[in-house]
Amino acid sequence: MKTLKTLLKFIKNNLSSSYRKITILFIFTLLLVIATPQTRQIIQAKAINGIEQRIKSQKMGIMENNFRNEYEEYFGRVINTEQFNPANIRITSSHNSGNASEIAQKIAIADRLAQTKSAVMWVVPEKEYLHLVLITSRGIITVRDLYEVPFDTINQTVIDFYQQINELETPFDLTLSQKLHQWIISPFEKEILEPEKIDNILFCLGEGVRLLPFGALHDGERFLVQKYNLSRIPAFDLINPEYKPLENPTVLAMGASNFTDNTPLPGVLIELQEVAQKIQQRSSQNQEEILFNQEFTLANMQQRLKEKPFEIIHLATHADFKPGSPNNSYIQFWDKKLTLDKMYELPWQTPPDLLILSACNTAVGDNNSELGFTGIALQSGVKSALGSLWYVSDLGTLALITEFYEQLINQPEKNPTKVQALTKAQNLLLEGKVYFEDNRLITPEGEIYLPDNLKLKGKLDLSHPFYWSAFTLISSPW
């Protein structure tokens, strides 16, 4: 076997493409002639498997191109994929398959640095079936096509599930949750996810499932968020997979409590103050800046961005992803709306590592709304974005965001990834360890007293999926 590998390496390095193929075919045929029947079967099986993987890789490349084309058409611009290939990530050539091999190598590099075990899953509803594709750092592509789950079936189930969560009924009915888990996760769980000890899943999603709150899927014993770190990506080729811990990050935190044509957000000020406090706890240096109410203008933000780079941009304000073109979707500032089509023009000195939108609302069942939400990091130019699939509520957002910062910033010994910090915060809400009681936010780190005008009486439990499953990390989980 060692001699054969040496021979193949010599052929690869010294013969032209046409002669290389002829020579390898001759050697393969010779091996089949002289080999024992058992060895011949092994050689043939490996050859067939290699061919199948190359075909799957080619199809994966087409699928990735289709996703990129879809976002380019929606945002009305050509996307330069070079920006998603950091200089410190070197991809070596491989005899296996181009696209799959590159994705696997990028996953492996990120996993090694972040100490994660990742898989990328494409969930693409087609008219007649549900198309599922999975790849891990091993580079093996696994495909499952579920003809019992056509587009109309899964699309309506997602809409029903979405509405069910928003109704806040207790106890939470797990019927739809388990059905979606059976369709999407179960085809891979026992065969790949569990044996390979996967703990980090990146979902690339097609029309009809882009707004699915994956963390709330249930296997009959646990929610998905209790087993995996979950994020969604526009396409793997459209994310920056570089891992870099956020150490003493600079933060620009902005927001407003009152709006002329939107509902008030009375908890925004305390949310911004808690963000600032979490940053100060990590470093005595002045690492944060706050713009609130009248100071929260688009011009003020643009000026701050020109003056210095920020690693985290926190926007505690309404963000609405609506049907139609990108100029219908917007982020609300004190003085005006920043529409999604204009976000690409923000004057970043250096693109932020994380953009947080803490009061999002997205129109379920509309493909353009789905593209706007899942493409927010891509359009804004940031590495990752954190948003909510629906408007959670002022208090629920305060609880989740406060704990997210605690896990991301103040756990230096863990060096968590962004998605790990989000997952930990979500689980603390789910487990009832973060809740409100008599105008106080109770967390494992202590109590936070709320403003008197909130007048919260009694206990507000946050374990229902409504409060934690909406929050989603978009683009790179690292």
Protein backbone atom coordinates (compact mmCIF):
# COMPACT_ATOMS: atom_id res chain seq x y z
CA MET A 1 0.00 0.00 0.00
CA LYS A 2 2.88 2.39 0.85
CA THR A 3 4.51 1.63 -2.50
CA LEU A 4 1.23 2.34 -4.30
CA LYS A 5 0.85 5.70 -2.55
CA THR A 6 4.42 6.62 -3.51
CA LEU A 7 3.72 5.67 -7.12
CA LEU A 8 0.51 7.70 -7.23
CA LYS A 9 2.33 10.70 -5.74
CA PHE A 10 5.02 10.41 -8.42
CA ILE A 11 2.38 10.24 -11.16
CA LYS A 12 0.57 13.27 -9.76
CA ASN A 13 3.71 15.40 -9.57
CA ASN A 14 5.39 14.39 -12.83
CA LEU A 15 2.77 13.62 -15.45
CA SER A 16 0.40 15.90 -17.30
CA SER A 17 -3.32 15.69 -16.60
CA SER A 18 -4.16 13.53 -19.62
CA TYR A 19 -1.28 11.07 -19.10
CA ARG A 20 -2.00 10.99 -15.36
CA LYS A 21 -5.56 9.75 -15.90
CA ILE A 22 -4.46 7.09 -18.42
CA THR A 23 -1.67 5.84 -16.16
CA ILE A 24 -3.86 5.64 -13.06
CA LEU A 25 -6.56 3.81 -15.03
CA PHE A 26 -3.94 1.31 -16.27
CA ILE A 27 -2.66 0.69 -12.73
CA PHE A 28 -6.19 0.29 -11.40
CA THR A 29 -7.02 -2.24 -14.15
CA LEU A 30 -3.80 -4.16 -13.48
CA LEU A 31 -4.59 -4.35 -9.78
CA LEU A 32 -8.01 -5.79 -10.54
CA VAL A 33 -6.45 -8.46 -12.75
CA ILE A 34 -3.80 -9.66 -10.31
CA ALA A 35 -5.75 -9.15 -7.07
CA THR A 36 -7.57 -11.87 -5.16
CA PRO A 37 -11.39 -11.80 -5.37
CA GLN A 38 -11.62 -10.32 -1.87
CA THR A 39 -9.02 -7.63 -2.59
CA ARG A 40 -10.72 -6.91 -5.91
CA GLN A 41 -14.02 -6.27 -4.13
CA ILE A 42 -12.32 -3.88 -1.69
CA ILE A 43 -10.63 -1.96 -4.51
CA GLN A 44 -13.86 -1.72 -6.48
CA ALA A 45 -15.84 -0.59 -3.41
CA LYS A 46 -13.31 2.13 -2.59
CA ALA A 47 -13.28 3.29 -6.20
CA ILE A 48 -17.07 3.46 -6.32
CA ASN A 49 -17.18 5.32 -3.00
CA GLY A 50 -14.59 7.80 -4.25
CA ILE A 51 -16.61 8.44 -7.39
CA GLU A 52 -19.79 8.91 -5.35
CA GLN A 53 -18.07 11.41 -3.07
CA ARG A 54 -16.75 13.41 -6.03
CA ILE A 55 -20.24 13.53 -7.53
CA LYS A 56 -21.70 14.65 -4.18
CA SER A 57 -18.99 17.29 -3.88
CA GLN A 58 -19.80 18.66 -7.32
CA LYS A 59 -23.48 18.83 -6.38
CA MET A 60 -22.55 20.54 -3.11
CA GLY A 61 -20.62 23.15 -5.06
CA ILE A 62 -23.65 23.78 -7.25
CA MET A 63 -25.86 24.06 -4.16
CA GLU A 64 -23.49 26.58 -2.56
CA ASN A 65 -23.45 28.61 -5.79
CA ASN A 66 -27.25 28.59 -5.84
CA PHE A 67 -27.37 29.99 -2.31
CA ARG A 68 -24.85 32.71 -3.18
CA ASN A 69 -26.83 33.62 -6.31
CA GLU A 70 -30.02 33.82 -4.25
CA TYR A 71 -28.49 36.33 -1.83
CA GLU A 72 -26.86 38.29 -4.65
CA GLU A 73 -30.21 38.60 -6.39
CA TYR A 74 -31.97 39.66 -3.18
CA PHE A 75 -29.37 42.25 -2.14
CA GLY A 76 -28.72 43.39 -5.71
CA ARG A 77 -24.95 43.15 -5.62
CA VAL A 78 -22.14 40.75 -6.45
CA ILE A 79 -20.64 39.14 -3.35
CA ASN A 80 -16.86 38.89 -3.26
CA THR A 81 -16.12 35.56 -1.59
CA GLU A 82 -12.43 36.43 -1.07
CA GLN A 83 -13.37 38.35 2.08
CA PHE A 84 -14.49 35.09 3.68
CA ASN A 85 -11.07 33.43 3.36
CA PRO A 86 -8.78 34.73 6.15
CA ALA A 87 -5.07 34.86 5.44
CA ASN A 88 -4.27 32.63 8.42
CA ILE A 89 -6.38 29.74 7.07
CA ARG A 90 -4.34 27.82 4.53
CA ILE A 91 -6.11 25.17 2.49
CA THR A 92 -3.94 22.39 1.14
CA SER A 93 -4.73 20.64 -2.10
CA SER A 94 -6.46 17.28 -1.93
CA HIS A 95 -6.99 14.40 -4.31
CA ASN A 96 -10.52 13.92 -3.00
CA SER A 97 -12.89 16.69 -3.96
CA GLY A 98 -12.53 20.41 -4.27
CA ASN A 99 -15.46 21.96 -2.49
CA ALA A 100 -16.01 19.25 0.13
CA SER A 101 -12.32 18.98 0.89
CA GLU A 102 -11.98 22.75 1.41
CA ILE A 103 -15.03 22.91 3.66
CA ALA A 104 -13.77 19.96 5.71
CA GLN A 105 -10.33 21.53 6.12
CA LYS A 106 -11.79 24.86 7.22
CA ILE A 107 -14.01 23.08 9.74
CA ALA A 108 -11.03 21.13 11.05
CA ILE A 109 -8.91 24.26 11.49
CA ALA A 110 -11.65 26.13 13.35
CA ASP A 111 -12.43 23.08 15.49
CA ARG A 112 -8.79 22.66 16.48
CA LEU A 113 -8.47 26.29 17.59
CA ALA A 114 -11.88 26.59 19.25
CA GLN A 115 -11.91 23.03 20.65
CA THR A 116 -15.24 22.26 19.03
CA LYS A 117 -16.51 19.38 16.90
CA SER A 118 -18.50 20.82 14.03
CA ALA A 119 -20.79 19.72 11.24
CA VAL A 120 -22.41 21.71 8.46
CA MET A 121 -25.95 20.71 7.53
CA TRP A 122 -27.84 21.91 4.47
CA VAL A 123 -31.62 21.70 4.88
CA VAL A 124 -33.25 22.41 1.52
CA PRO A 125 -36.98 21.85 1.02
CA GLU A 126 -37.68 20.83 -2.56
CA LYS A 127 -41.13 20.57 -4.13
CA GLU A 128 -41.32 16.77 -3.83
CA TYR A 129 -38.92 16.02 -0.97
CA LEU A 130 -36.71 17.37 1.82
CA HIS A 131 -33.05 17.44 0.78
CA LEU A 132 -30.56 17.01 3.64
CA VAL A 133 -26.77 17.13 3.30
CA LEU A 134 -24.18 16.80 6.09
CA ILE A 135 -20.40 17.15 6.17
CA THR A 136 -17.94 17.09 9.08
CA SER A 137 -14.19 17.66 9.28
CA ARG A 138 -13.67 14.11 7.94
CA GLY A 139 -14.86 15.38 4.57
CA ILE A 140 -17.43 12.61 4.03
CA ILE A 141 -20.66 13.91 2.50
CA THR A 142 -23.87 12.21 3.64
CA VAL A 143 -27.13 12.86 1.78
CA ARG A 144 -30.67 12.04 2.84
CA ASP A 145 -33.74 12.77 0.68
CA LEU A 146 -37.07 12.46 2.50
CA TYR A 147 -39.85 12.06 -0.06
CA GLU A 148 -42.43 11.84 2.71
CA VAL A 149 -41.65 15.50 3.52
CA PRO A 150 -42.39 17.66 0.43
CA PHE A 151 -42.08 21.44 0.52
CA ASP A 152 -45.70 22.19 1.42
CA THR A 153 -45.60 19.77 4.35
CA ILE A 154 -42.48 21.08 6.07
CA ASN A 155 -43.24 24.73 5.25
CA GLN A 156 -46.66 24.54 6.89
CA THR A 157 -45.26 22.62 9.86
CA VAL A 158 -42.63 25.33 10.43
CA ILE A 159 -45.32 28.04 10.30
CA ASP A 160 -47.53 26.11 12.73
CA PHE A 161 -44.56 25.53 15.06
CA TYR A 162 -43.61 29.20 14.90
CA GLN A 163 -47.14 30.26 15.86
CA GLN A 164 -47.34 27.66 18.62
CA ILE A 165 -44.23 28.98 20.34
CA ASN A 166 -45.55 32.53 20.20
CA GLU A 167 -48.78 31.54 21.92
CA LEU A 168 -46.85 30.85 25.17
CA GLU A 169 -49.04 27.93 26.19
CA THR A 170 -47.91 25.93 29.22
CA PRO A 171 -47.05 23.10 29.25
CA PHE A 172 -45.40 23.36 25.85
CA ASP A 173 -46.82 20.86 23.33
CA LEU A 174 -43.88 18.87 21.92
CA THR A 175 -45.74 17.24 19.01
CA LEU A 176 -44.50 19.55 16.22
CA SER A 177 -41.12 19.93 17.88
CA GLN A 178 -40.54 16.18 17.83
CA LYS A 179 -41.85 15.82 14.28
CA LEU A 180 -39.38 18.41 12.96
CA HIS A 181 -36.56 16.78 14.93
CA GLN A 182 -37.45 13.42 13.40
CA TRP A 183 -37.33 14.87 9.89
CA ILE A 184 -34.19 17.01 10.14
CA ILE A 185 -31.92 15.73 12.91
CA SER A 186 -32.70 12.04 13.35
CA PRO A 187 -31.48 10.99 9.87
CA PHE A 188 -27.92 11.87 10.97
CA GLU A 189 -27.88 11.66 14.76
CA LYS A 190 -27.17 7.99 15.51
CA GLU A 191 -25.02 7.43 12.44
CA ILE A 192 -22.82 10.55 12.48
CA LEU A 193 -23.53 13.26 15.06
CA GLU A 194 -23.25 11.05 18.13
CA PRO A 195 -20.38 8.77 17.01
CA GLU A 196 -18.29 11.77 15.92
CA LYS A 197 -19.19 13.66 19.14
CA ILE A 198 -20.46 16.67 17.18
CA ASP A 199 -21.32 19.60 19.46
CA ASN A 200 -21.55 22.45 16.93
CA ILE A 201 -23.98 22.47 13.97
CA LEU A 202 -24.03 25.14 11.28
CA PHE A 203 -27.34 25.12 9.40
CA CYS A 204 -27.51 26.34 5.81
CA LEU A 205 -31.20 26.67 5.08
CA GLY A 206 -33.42 26.88 2.04
CA GLU A 207 -36.74 28.60 1.56
CA GLY A 208 -39.36 27.51 4.05
CA VAL A 209 -37.08 26.63 6.98
CA ARG A 210 -34.83 29.68 7.36
CA LEU A 211 -36.84 30.97 10.32
CA LEU A 212 -37.13 27.65 12.14
CA PRO A 213 -36.04 28.00 15.83
CA PHE A 214 -33.83 24.91 15.81
CA GLY A 215 -33.01 25.06 19.51
CA ALA A 216 -36.65 24.24 20.33
CA LEU A 217 -36.67 20.95 18.39
CA HIS A 218 -37.09 18.04 20.78
CA ASP A 219 -35.97 14.39 20.63
CA GLY A 220 -38.43 13.15 23.25
CA GLU A 221 -36.01 13.73 26.12
CA ARG A 222 -34.16 16.98 25.47
CA PHE A 223 -34.34 20.12 23.39
CA LEU A 224 -31.76 20.43 20.64
CA VAL A 225 -30.15 23.41 22.39
CA GLN A 226 -29.36 21.10 25.31
CA LYS A 227 -27.25 18.91 23.02
CA TYR A 228 -25.65 21.18 20.42
CA ASN A 229 -24.47 24.71 19.74
CA LEU A 230 -26.61 25.93 16.83
CA SER A 231 -26.09 28.67 14.27
CA ARG A 232 -27.36 29.43 10.77
CA ILE A 233 -25.32 30.50 7.77
CA PRO A 234 -26.25 31.96 4.36
CA ALA A 235 -23.80 29.47 2.77
CA PHE A 236 -20.51 28.05 4.01
CA ASP A 237 -18.62 29.93 1.31
CA LEU A 238 -20.18 33.16 2.65
CA ILE A 239 -18.84 33.04 6.21
CA ASN A 240 -15.48 33.75 7.80
CA PRO A 241 -14.55 30.54 9.69
CA GLU A 242 -11.62 32.08 11.57
CA TYR A 243 -11.73 31.63 15.36
CA LYS A 244 -10.52 34.53 17.50
CA PRO A 245 -11.47 34.86 21.19
CA LEU A 246 -13.04 38.19 22.17
CA GLU A 247 -10.61 39.50 24.79
CA ASN A 248 -11.37 42.97 26.21
CA PRO A 249 -13.56 43.87 23.21
CA THR A 250 -14.44 47.43 22.35
CA VAL A 251 -18.21 47.89 22.32
CA LEU A 252 -20.47 50.56 20.86
CA ALA A 253 -23.85 50.11 22.58
CA MET A 254 -26.79 52.12 21.29
CA GLY A 255 -30.56 52.17 21.57
CA ALA A 256 -33.77 53.99 22.38
CA SER A 257 -36.75 53.45 24.68
CA ASN A 258 -39.34 55.58 22.86
CA PHE A 259 -40.26 55.84 19.20
CA THR A 260 -42.73 57.90 17.20
CA ASP A 261 -44.09 54.97 15.18
CA ASN A 262 -43.01 51.88 17.13
CA THR A 263 -43.80 50.32 20.48
CA PRO A 264 -41.73 51.55 23.47
CA LEU A 265 -38.79 49.52 24.77
CA PRO A 266 -38.63 50.62 28.43
CA GLY A 267 -35.90 48.10 29.34
CA VAL A 268 -33.36 49.41 26.82
CA LEU A 269 -31.50 51.75 29.16
CA ILE A 270 -30.87 49.06 31.76
CA GLU A 271 -29.88 46.68 28.93
CA LEU A 272 -27.25 49.14 27.71
CA GLN A 273 -26.05 49.78 31.26
CA GLU A 274 -25.68 46.06 31.89
CA VAL A 275 -23.69 45.69 28.67
CA ALA A 276 -21.35 48.46 29.82
CA GLN A 277 -21.01 46.91 33.27
CA LYS A 278 -20.13 43.49 31.87
CA ILE A 279 -17.38 45.05 29.76
CA GLN A 280 -16.03 47.06 32.71
CA GLN A 281 -15.92 43.95 34.87
CA ARG A 282 -13.51 42.38 32.42
CA SER A 283 -11.23 45.40 32.01
CA SER A 284 -10.58 48.61 33.90
CA GLN A 285 -9.98 50.39 30.61
CA ASN A 286 -12.83 52.33 29.02
CA GLN A 287 -13.84 49.79 26.41
CA GLU A 288 -17.48 50.76 25.84
CA GLU A 289 -19.49 53.72 24.63
CA ILE A 290 -23.26 54.29 24.94
CA LEU A 291 -25.58 56.31 22.71
CA PHE A 292 -29.13 56.49 24.11
CA ASN A 293 -32.37 58.08 22.85
CA GLN A 294 -31.64 61.46 21.21
CA GLU A 295 -27.94 60.58 20.87
CA PHE A 296 -28.83 57.35 19.10
CA THR A 297 -28.77 58.80 15.58
CA LEU A 298 -27.41 57.31 12.39
CA ALA A 299 -25.03 60.24 11.98
CA ASN A 300 -23.62 59.79 15.48
CA MET A 301 -23.02 56.10 14.89
CA GLN A 302 -21.33 56.75 11.56
CA GLN A 303 -19.08 59.33 13.20
CA ARG A 304 -18.05 56.90 15.95
CA LEU A 305 -17.29 54.23 13.36
CA LYS A 306 -15.01 56.62 11.48
CA GLU A 307 -13.14 57.53 14.66
CA LYS A 308 -12.19 54.02 15.78
CA PRO A 309 -13.02 50.35 15.20
CA PHE A 310 -15.37 48.43 17.48
CA GLU A 311 -15.41 44.67 17.89
CA ILE A 312 -19.04 44.57 19.05
CA ILE A 313 -21.88 46.77 17.83
CA HIS A 314 -24.95 46.47 20.07
CA LEU A 315 -28.25 47.91 18.82
CA ALA A 316 -31.09 47.78 21.38
CA THR A 317 -33.83 48.93 19.07
CA HIS A 318 -36.47 47.65 16.68
CA ALA A 319 -35.23 45.72 13.66
CA ASP A 320 -37.98 44.67 11.28
CA PHE A 321 -37.47 42.21 8.42
CA LYS A 322 -40.41 42.64 6.08
CA PRO A 323 -41.63 41.11 2.79
CA GLY A 324 -40.45 42.62 -0.46
CA SER A 325 -37.12 44.20 -1.34
CA PRO A 326 -34.32 44.96 1.20
CA ASN A 327 -35.38 48.62 1.44
CA ASN A 328 -38.57 47.48 3.20
CA SER A 329 -36.56 45.98 6.08
CA TYR A 330 -34.87 48.31 8.54
CA ILE A 331 -33.14 49.06 11.83
CA GLN A 332 -34.80 51.93 13.71
CA PHE A 333 -32.60 54.79 14.92
CA TRP A 334 -33.86 57.75 16.95
CA ASP A 335 -34.07 59.99 13.90
CA LYS A 336 -34.55 57.61 10.95
CA LYS A 337 -34.60 54.07 9.67
CA LEU A 338 -31.48 52.41 8.31
CA THR A 339 -32.84 50.15 5.58
CA LEU A 340 -31.23 46.82 4.85
CA ASP A 341 -30.12 47.81 1.38
CA LYS A 342 -28.00 50.64 2.87
CA MET A 343 -26.26 48.55 5.54
CA TYR A 344 -23.55 47.53 3.10
CA GLU A 345 -22.41 51.18 3.06
CA LEU A 346 -21.62 51.46 6.79
CA PRO A 347 -18.14 53.01 7.25
CA TRP A 348 -16.41 50.25 9.22
CA GLN A 349 -12.70 50.86 9.81
CA THR A 350 -12.48 47.16 10.52
CA PRO A 351 -15.61 45.02 10.22
CA PRO A 352 -16.94 44.23 13.71
CA ASP A 353 -16.69 40.71 15.02
CA LEU A 354 -20.29 40.78 16.24
CA LEU A 355 -23.45 42.78 15.55
CA ILE A 356 -26.25 42.39 18.09
CA LEU A 357 -29.85 43.28 17.24
CA SER A 358 -31.78 42.71 20.43
CA ALA A 359 -35.37 43.46 19.34
CA CYS A 360 -35.97 41.85 15.94
CA ASN A 361 -39.21 40.90 14.26
CA THR A 362 -39.40 38.84 11.08
CA ALA A 363 -42.31 37.97 8.80
CA VAL A 364 -42.62 34.18 8.87
CA GLY A 365 -43.53 32.43 5.63
CA ASP A 366 -42.01 35.06 3.33
CA ASN A 367 -38.82 34.12 1.50
CA ASN A 368 -37.53 37.69 1.21
CA SER A 369 -37.95 38.23 4.96
CA GLU A 370 -36.06 35.00 5.57
CA LEU A 371 -33.25 36.11 3.24
CA GLY A 372 -33.05 39.47 4.99
CA PHE A 373 -32.72 37.95 8.45
CA THR A 374 -30.28 35.17 7.57
CA GLY A 375 -28.28 37.56 5.37
CA ILE A 376 -27.92 40.36 7.92
CA ALA A 377 -24.26 39.58 8.74
CA LEU A 378 -23.48 39.16 5.05
CA GLN A 379 -25.09 42.48 4.11
CA SER A 380 -23.66 44.48 7.03
CA GLY A 381 -20.16 43.11 6.56
CA VAL A 382 -19.75 41.81 10.13
CA LYS A 383 -18.36 38.39 10.95
CA SER A 384 -21.38 37.28 13.01
CA ALA A 385 -24.76 38.67 14.01
CA LEU A 386 -27.09 37.88 16.88
CA GLY A 387 -30.79 38.52 16.37
CA SER A 388 -34.19 37.21 17.35
CA LEU A 389 -36.63 35.50 15.02
CA TRP A 390 -39.53 37.29 16.70
CA TYR A 391 -39.92 40.16 19.15
CA VAL A 392 -39.33 38.36 22.45
CA SER A 393 -40.40 41.12 24.90
CA ASP A 394 -38.37 43.76 26.65
CA LEU A 395 -37.77 41.73 29.81
CA GLY A 396 -37.04 38.47 28.03
CA THR A 397 -34.48 40.19 25.84
CA LEU A 398 -32.84 41.86 28.84
CA ALA A 399 -32.45 38.50 30.58
CA LEU A 400 -30.99 36.63 27.59
CA ILE A 401 -28.67 39.41 26.44
CA THR A 402 -27.35 40.07 29.96
CA GLU A 403 -26.47 36.41 30.41
CA PHE A 404 -25.02 36.16 26.90
CA TYR A 405 -22.52 38.93 27.70
CA GLU A 406 -21.70 37.29 31.02
CA GLN A 407 -20.83 34.04 29.27
CA LEU A 408 -19.00 35.68 26.34
CA ILE A 409 -16.99 38.32 28.19
CA ASN A 410 -16.59 37.22 31.79
CA GLN A 411 -15.65 33.57 31.38
CA PRO A 412 -12.03 34.03 30.23
CA GLU A 413 -10.91 30.60 31.42
CA LYS A 414 -13.38 28.99 29.00
CA ASN A 415 -12.61 31.15 25.95
CA PRO A 416 -16.11 30.46 24.63
CA THR A 417 -17.10 30.90 21.03
CA LYS A 418 -20.00 33.25 20.36
CA VAL A 419 -22.39 30.38 19.81
CA GLN A 420 -21.23 28.61 22.98
CA ALA A 421 -21.98 31.76 24.98
CA LEU A 422 -25.44 31.98 23.43
CA THR A 423 -26.15 28.30 24.06
CA LYS A 424 -25.15 28.59 27.72
CA ALA A 425 -27.38 31.64 28.19
CA GLN A 426 -30.31 29.89 26.51
CA ASN A 427 -29.90 26.84 28.72
CA LEU A 428 -29.84 28.96 31.88
CA LEU A 429 -33.22 30.42 30.92
CA LEU A 430 -34.54 26.98 29.93
CA GLU A 431 -33.42 25.49 33.27
CA GLY A 432 -35.10 28.27 35.26
CA LYS A 433 -31.80 29.65 36.59
CA VAL A 434 -32.43 33.09 35.07
CA TYR A 435 -35.83 34.64 35.87
CA PHE A 436 -37.57 37.76 37.18
CA GLU A 437 -39.03 38.19 40.63
CA ASP A 438 -40.45 41.35 42.25
CA ASN A 439 -38.71 43.83 39.95
CA ARG A 440 -35.39 41.97 40.02
CA LEU A 441 -33.58 39.90 37.41
CA ILE A 442 -32.20 36.83 39.16
CA THR A 443 -29.10 35.26 37.58
CA PRO A 444 -26.45 32.79 38.78
CA GLU A 445 -24.12 35.78 39.17
CA GLY A 446 -26.50 37.78 41.38
CA GLU A 447 -29.49 40.10 41.27
CA ILE A 448 -30.13 43.08 39.01
CA TYR A 449 -32.69 45.61 40.26
CA LEU A 450 -35.04 46.97 37.63
CA PRO A 451 -36.32 50.55 37.32
CA ASP A 452 -39.41 51.25 39.43
CA ASN A 453 -41.46 52.14 36.34
CA LEU A 454 -41.37 48.51 35.18
CA LYS A 455 -43.41 47.53 38.28
CA LEU A 456 -42.87 43.81 37.92
CA LYS A 457 -44.69 41.86 40.63
CA GLY A 458 -44.27 38.20 41.46
CA LYS A 459 -42.20 35.73 39.44
CA LEU A 460 -41.75 35.64 35.66
CA ASP A 461 -40.42 32.29 34.54
CA LEU A 462 -38.42 32.28 31.27
CA SER A 463 -38.14 28.55 30.61
CA HIS A 464 -40.72 28.51 27.79
CA PRO A 465 -39.12 28.29 24.29
CA PHE A 466 -40.71 31.65 23.44
CA TYR A 467 -38.12 33.44 25.58
CA TRP A 468 -34.92 31.70 24.55
CA SER A 469 -35.33 29.87 21.21
CA ALA A 470 -35.84 33.01 19.10
CA PHE A 471 -32.27 34.19 19.63
CA THR A 472 -30.07 33.04 16.78
CA LEU A 473 -26.43 33.41 15.83
CA ILE A 474 -26.05 34.13 12.12
CA SER A 475 -22.94 33.38 10.02
CA SER A 476 -19.77 32.31 11.84
CA PRO A 477 -20.36 30.53 15.18
CA TRP A 478 -16.70 31.01 16.02
